[in-house]
Amino acid sequence: MKNQEVRDSGRDQIFLSPGVQFLALENIVLESGIQIPVWQDLNGVQLGTDFNLRL
């Protein structure tokens, strides 16, 4: 397997990532956001990403 290309693996993506932050206490921040792919280059046949939710 050395120096062989693995088919249908790897990807490049660019996300739009809006989110919000809430300062709960002076040193505690709560954050939530969503990542929406605006560009995806999937190498071969793979599942893409619809969105990622961060809490």
PDB file of N, CA and C in Angstrom:
ATOM      1  N   MET A   1       0.822  -1.196   0.000  1.00  0.00           N
ATOM      2  CA  MET A   1       0.000   0.000   0.000  1.00  0.00           C
ATOM      3  C   MET A   1       0.867   1.261   0.000  1.00  0.00           C
ATOM      4  N   LYS A   2       2.159   1.121   0.147  1.00  0.00           N
ATOM      5  CA  LYS A   2       3.015   2.295   0.199  1.00  0.00           C
ATOM      6  C   LYS A   2       3.008   3.009  -1.149  1.00  0.00           C
ATOM      7  N   ASN A   3       2.807   4.322  -1.106  1.00  0.00           N
ATOM      8  CA  ASN A   3       2.779   5.183  -2.292  1.00  0.00           C
ATOM      9  C   ASN A   3       1.629   4.862  -3.238  1.00  0.00           C
ATOM     10  N   GLN A   4       0.564   4.259  -2.740  1.00  0.00           N
ATOM     11  CA  GLN A   4      -0.608   4.007  -3.560  1.00  0.00           C
ATOM     12  C   GLN A   4      -1.712   4.980  -3.173  1.00  0.00           C
ATOM     13  N   GLU A   5      -2.453   5.438  -4.159  1.00  0.00           N
ATOM     14  CA  GLU A   5      -3.570   6.349  -3.908  1.00  0.00           C
ATOM     15  C   GLU A   5      -4.789   5.546  -3.456  1.00  0.00           C
ATOM     16  N   VAL A   6      -5.419   5.991  -2.367  1.00  0.00           N
ATOM     17  CA  VAL A   6      -6.626   5.341  -1.867  1.00  0.00           C
ATOM     18  C   VAL A   6      -7.820   6.033  -2.518  1.00  0.00           C
ATOM     19  N   ARG A   7      -8.572   5.303  -3.314  1.00  0.00           N
ATOM     20  CA  ARG A   7      -9.711   5.882  -4.028  1.00  0.00           C
ATOM     21  C   ARG A   7     -10.851   6.187  -3.073  1.00  0.00           C
ATOM     22  N   ASP A   8     -11.685   7.150  -3.453  1.00  0.00           N
ATOM     23  CA  ASP A   8     -12.890   7.520  -2.704  1.00  0.00           C
ATOM     24  C   ASP A   8     -12.567   7.878  -1.252  1.00  0.00           C
ATOM     25  N   SER A   9     -11.533   8.664  -1.044  1.00  0.00           N
ATOM     26  CA  SER A   9     -11.183   9.109   0.306  1.00  0.00           C
ATOM     27  C   SER A   9     -10.706  10.556   0.254  1.00  0.00           C
ATOM     28  N   GLY A  10     -10.873  11.255   1.363  1.00  0.00           N
ATOM     29  CA  GLY A  10     -10.453  12.650   1.452  1.00  0.00           C
ATOM     30  C   GLY A  10     -11.481  13.585   0.845  1.00  0.00           C
ATOM     31  N   ARG A  11     -11.397  14.847   1.221  1.00  0.00           N
ATOM     32  CA  ARG A  11     -12.306  15.853   0.676  1.00  0.00           C
ATOM     33  C   ARG A  11     -11.785  17.234   1.015  1.00  0.00           C
ATOM     34  N   ASP A  12     -12.232  18.227   0.273  1.00  0.00           N
ATOM     35  CA  ASP A  12     -11.984  19.635   0.569  1.00  0.00           C
ATOM     36  C   ASP A  12     -13.343  20.301   0.705  1.00  0.00           C
ATOM     37  N   GLN A  13     -13.493  21.168   1.725  1.00  0.00           N
ATOM     38  CA  GLN A  13     -14.771  21.834   1.967  1.00  0.00           C
ATOM     39  C   GLN A  13     -14.527  23.260   2.439  1.00  0.00           C
ATOM     40  N   ILE A  14     -15.450  24.143   2.100  1.00  0.00           N
ATOM     41  CA  ILE A  14     -15.492  25.506   2.632  1.00  0.00           C
ATOM     42  C   ILE A  14     -16.872  25.692   3.241  1.00  0.00           C
ATOM     43  N   PHE A  15     -16.906  26.170   4.500  1.00  0.00           N
ATOM     44  CA  PHE A  15     -18.155  26.325   5.237  1.00  0.00           C
ATOM     45  C   PHE A  15     -18.463  27.794   5.504  1.00  0.00           C
ATOM     46  N   LEU A  16     -19.747  28.128   5.510  1.00  0.00           N
ATOM     47  CA  LEU A  16     -20.267  29.372   6.068  1.00  0.00           C
ATOM     48  C   LEU A  16     -20.701  29.017   7.483  1.00  0.00           C
ATOM     49  N   SER A  17     -20.211  29.762   8.498  1.00  0.00           N
ATOM     50  CA  SER A  17     -20.398  29.342   9.895  1.00  0.00           C
ATOM     51  C   SER A  17     -20.953  30.454  10.781  1.00  0.00           C
ATOM     52  N   PRO A  18     -22.253  30.775  10.673  1.00  0.00           N
ATOM     53  CA  PRO A  18     -22.822  31.758  11.602  1.00  0.00           C
ATOM     54  C   PRO A  18     -22.995  31.142  12.989  1.00  0.00           C
ATOM     55  N   GLY A  19     -22.920  31.984  14.010  1.00  0.00           N
ATOM     56  CA  GLY A  19     -23.083  31.484  15.376  1.00  0.00           C
ATOM     57  C   GLY A  19     -23.355  32.616  16.346  1.00  0.00           C
ATOM     58  N   VAL A  20     -23.629  32.252  17.584  1.00  0.00           N
ATOM     59  CA  VAL A  20     -23.877  33.232  18.644  1.00  0.00           C
ATOM     60  C   VAL A  20     -23.064  32.839  19.877  1.00  0.00           C
ATOM     61  N   GLN A  21     -22.691  33.860  20.652  1.00  0.00           N
ATOM     62  CA  GLN A  21     -22.002  33.645  21.921  1.00  0.00           C
ATOM     63  C   GLN A  21     -22.764  34.363  23.018  1.00  0.00           C
ATOM     64  N   PHE A  22     -22.809  33.731  24.196  1.00  0.00           N
ATOM     65  CA  PHE A  22     -23.476  34.306  25.360  1.00  0.00           C
ATOM     66  C   PHE A  22     -22.493  34.293  26.522  1.00  0.00           C
ATOM     67  N   LEU A  23     -22.233  35.458  27.090  1.00  0.00           N
ATOM     68  CA  LEU A  23     -21.337  35.573  28.232  1.00  0.00           C
ATOM     69  C   LEU A  23     -22.136  35.278  29.486  1.00  0.00           C
ATOM     70  N   ALA A  24     -22.052  34.026  29.977  1.00  0.00           N
ATOM     71  CA  ALA A  24     -22.838  33.592  31.131  1.00  0.00           C
ATOM     72  C   ALA A  24     -22.302  34.204  32.421  1.00  0.00           C
ATOM     73  N   LEU A  25     -21.008  34.135  32.604  1.00  0.00           N
ATOM     74  CA  LEU A  25     -20.315  34.744  33.738  1.00  0.00           C
ATOM     75  C   LEU A  25     -19.070  35.429  33.188  1.00  0.00           C
ATOM     76  N   GLU A  26     -18.332  36.063  34.052  1.00  0.00           N
ATOM     77  CA  GLU A  26     -17.156  36.808  33.593  1.00  0.00           C
ATOM     78  C   GLU A  26     -16.171  35.928  32.830  1.00  0.00           C
ATOM     79  N   ASN A  27     -16.026  34.678  33.228  1.00  0.00           N
ATOM     80  CA  ASN A  27     -15.062  33.785  32.577  1.00  0.00           C
ATOM     81  C   ASN A  27     -15.705  32.548  31.941  1.00  0.00           C
ATOM     82  N   ILE A  28     -17.008  32.573  31.699  1.00  0.00           N
ATOM     83  CA  ILE A  28     -17.709  31.448  31.067  1.00  0.00           C
ATOM     84  C   ILE A  28     -18.505  31.962  29.869  1.00  0.00           C
ATOM     85  N   VAL A  29     -18.196  31.405  28.702  1.00  0.00           N
ATOM     86  CA  VAL A  29     -18.882  31.778  27.468  1.00  0.00           C
ATOM     87  C   VAL A  29     -19.573  30.541  26.908  1.00  0.00           C
ATOM     88  N   LEU A  30     -20.854  30.660  26.567  1.00  0.00           N
ATOM     89  CA  LEU A  30     -21.596  29.597  25.887  1.00  0.00           C
ATOM     90  C   LEU A  30     -21.685  29.976  24.416  1.00  0.00           C
ATOM     91  N   GLU A  31     -21.475  28.988  23.547  1.00  0.00           N
ATOM     92  CA  GLU A  31     -21.443  29.268  22.117  1.00  0.00           C
ATOM     93  C   GLU A  31     -22.236  28.210  21.359  1.00  0.00           C
ATOM     94  N   SER A  32     -22.931  28.635  20.316  1.00  0.00           N
ATOM     95  CA  SER A  32     -23.674  27.734  19.449  1.00  0.00           C
ATOM     96  C   SER A  32     -23.529  28.235  18.021  1.00  0.00           C
ATOM     97  N   GLY A  33     -23.534  27.315  17.083  1.00  0.00           N
ATOM     98  CA  GLY A  33     -23.416  27.725  15.694  1.00  0.00           C
ATOM     99  C   GLY A  33     -23.750  26.582  14.756  1.00  0.00           C
ATOM    100  N   ILE A  34     -23.806  26.921  13.486  1.00  0.00           N
ATOM    101  CA  ILE A  34     -24.065  25.934  12.443  1.00  0.00           C
ATOM    102  C   ILE A  34     -23.043  26.144  11.338  1.00  0.00           C
ATOM    103  N   GLN A  35     -22.578  25.061  10.756  1.00  0.00           N
ATOM    104  CA  GLN A  35     -21.656  25.114   9.632  1.00  0.00           C
ATOM    105  C   GLN A  35     -22.396  24.607   8.395  1.00  0.00           C
ATOM    106  N   ILE A  36     -22.484  25.456   7.379  1.00  0.00           N
ATOM    107  CA  ILE A  36     -23.189  25.117   6.144  1.00  0.00           C
ATOM    108  C   ILE A  36     -22.163  25.086   5.014  1.00  0.00           C
ATOM    109  N   PRO A  37     -22.006  23.957   4.334  1.00  0.00           N
ATOM    110  CA  PRO A  37     -21.009  23.902   3.267  1.00  0.00           C
ATOM    111  C   PRO A  37     -21.447  24.743   2.064  1.00  0.00           C
ATOM    112  N   VAL A  38     -20.554  25.619   1.622  1.00  0.00           N
ATOM    113  CA  VAL A  38     -20.831  26.411   0.422  1.00  0.00           C
ATOM    114  C   VAL A  38     -20.068  25.858  -0.777  1.00  0.00           C
ATOM    115  N   TRP A  39     -19.066  24.994  -0.507  1.00  0.00           N
ATOM    116  CA  TRP A  39     -18.313  24.337  -1.575  1.00  0.00           C
ATOM    117  C   TRP A  39     -17.770  23.019  -1.042  1.00  0.00           C
ATOM    118  N   GLN A  40     -17.915  21.952  -1.831  1.00  0.00           N
ATOM    119  CA  GLN A  40     -17.395  20.631  -1.460  1.00  0.00           C
ATOM    120  C   GLN A  40     -16.758  19.981  -2.685  1.00  0.00           C
ATOM    121  N   ASP A  41     -15.573  19.460  -2.503  1.00  0.00           N
ATOM    122  CA  ASP A  41     -14.905  18.666  -3.534  1.00  0.00           C
ATOM    123  C   ASP A  41     -14.654  17.289  -2.933  1.00  0.00           C
ATOM    124  N   LEU A  42     -15.574  16.378  -3.179  1.00  0.00           N
ATOM    125  CA  LEU A  42     -15.456  15.015  -2.660  1.00  0.00           C
ATOM    126  C   LEU A  42     -14.630  14.204  -3.646  1.00  0.00           C
ATOM    127  N   ASN A  43     -13.654  13.505  -3.142  1.00  0.00           N
ATOM    128  CA  ASN A  43     -12.793  12.691  -4.004  1.00  0.00           C
ATOM    129  C   ASN A  43     -13.445  11.334  -4.218  1.00  0.00           C
ATOM    130  N   GLY A  44     -14.130  11.193  -5.333  1.00  0.00           N
ATOM    131  CA  GLY A  44     -14.797   9.934  -5.631  1.00  0.00           C
ATOM    132  C   GLY A  44     -16.205   9.901  -5.076  1.00  0.00           C
ATOM    133  N   VAL A  45     -16.708   8.694  -4.853  1.00  0.00           N
ATOM    134  CA  VAL A  45     -18.071   8.488  -4.370  1.00  0.00           C
ATOM    135  C   VAL A  45     -18.040   8.474  -2.845  1.00  0.00           C
ATOM    136  N   GLN A  46     -18.636   9.510  -2.219  1.00  0.00           N
ATOM    137  CA  GLN A  46     -18.682   9.638  -0.764  1.00  0.00           C
ATOM    138  C   GLN A  46     -19.950  10.375  -0.376  1.00  0.00           C
ATOM    139  N   LEU A  47     -20.292  10.270   0.899  1.00  0.00           N
ATOM    140  CA  LEU A  47     -21.377  11.086   1.428  1.00  0.00           C
ATOM    141  C   LEU A  47     -20.868  12.504   1.648  1.00  0.00           C
ATOM    142  N   GLY A  48     -21.672  13.483   1.276  1.00  0.00           N
ATOM    143  CA  GLY A  48     -21.333  14.874   1.523  1.00  0.00           C
ATOM    144  C   GLY A  48     -21.870  15.321   2.867  1.00  0.00           C
ATOM    145  N   THR A  49     -21.674  16.596   3.177  1.00  0.00           N
ATOM    146  CA  THR A  49     -22.147  17.174   4.430  1.00  0.00           C
ATOM    147  C   THR A  49     -23.276  18.142   4.130  1.00  0.00           C
ATOM    148  N   ASP A  50     -24.439  17.967   4.785  1.00  0.00           N
ATOM    149  CA  ASP A  50     -25.539  18.914   4.651  1.00  0.00           C
ATOM    150  C   ASP A  50     -25.337  20.097   5.592  1.00  0.00           C
ATOM    151  N   PHE A  51     -24.990  19.811   6.847  1.00  0.00           N
ATOM    152  CA  PHE A  51     -24.685  20.851   7.828  1.00  0.00           C
ATOM    153  C   PHE A  51     -24.063  20.204   9.059  1.00  0.00           C
ATOM    154  N   ASN A  52     -23.406  21.013   9.873  1.00  0.00           N
ATOM    155  CA  ASN A  52     -22.882  20.601  11.181  1.00  0.00           C
ATOM    156  C   ASN A  52     -23.444  21.566  12.203  1.00  0.00           C
ATOM    157  N   LEU A  53     -23.955  21.049  13.301  1.00  0.00           N
ATOM    158  CA  LEU A  53     -24.505  21.873  14.376  1.00  0.00           C
ATOM    159  C   LEU A  53     -23.563  21.797  15.567  1.00  0.00           C
ATOM    160  N   ARG A  54     -23.177  22.970  16.079  1.00  0.00           N
ATOM    161  CA  ARG A  54     -22.276  23.024  17.236  1.00  0.00           C
ATOM    162  C   ARG A  54     -23.019  23.639  18.406  1.00  0.00           C
ATOM    163  N   LEU A  55     -22.925  23.006  19.559  1.00  0.00           N
ATOM    164  CA  LEU A  55     -23.546  23.526  20.779  1.00  0.00           C
ATOM    165  C   LEU A  55     -22.491  23.701  21.845  1.00  0.00           C
TER     166      LEU A  55
END
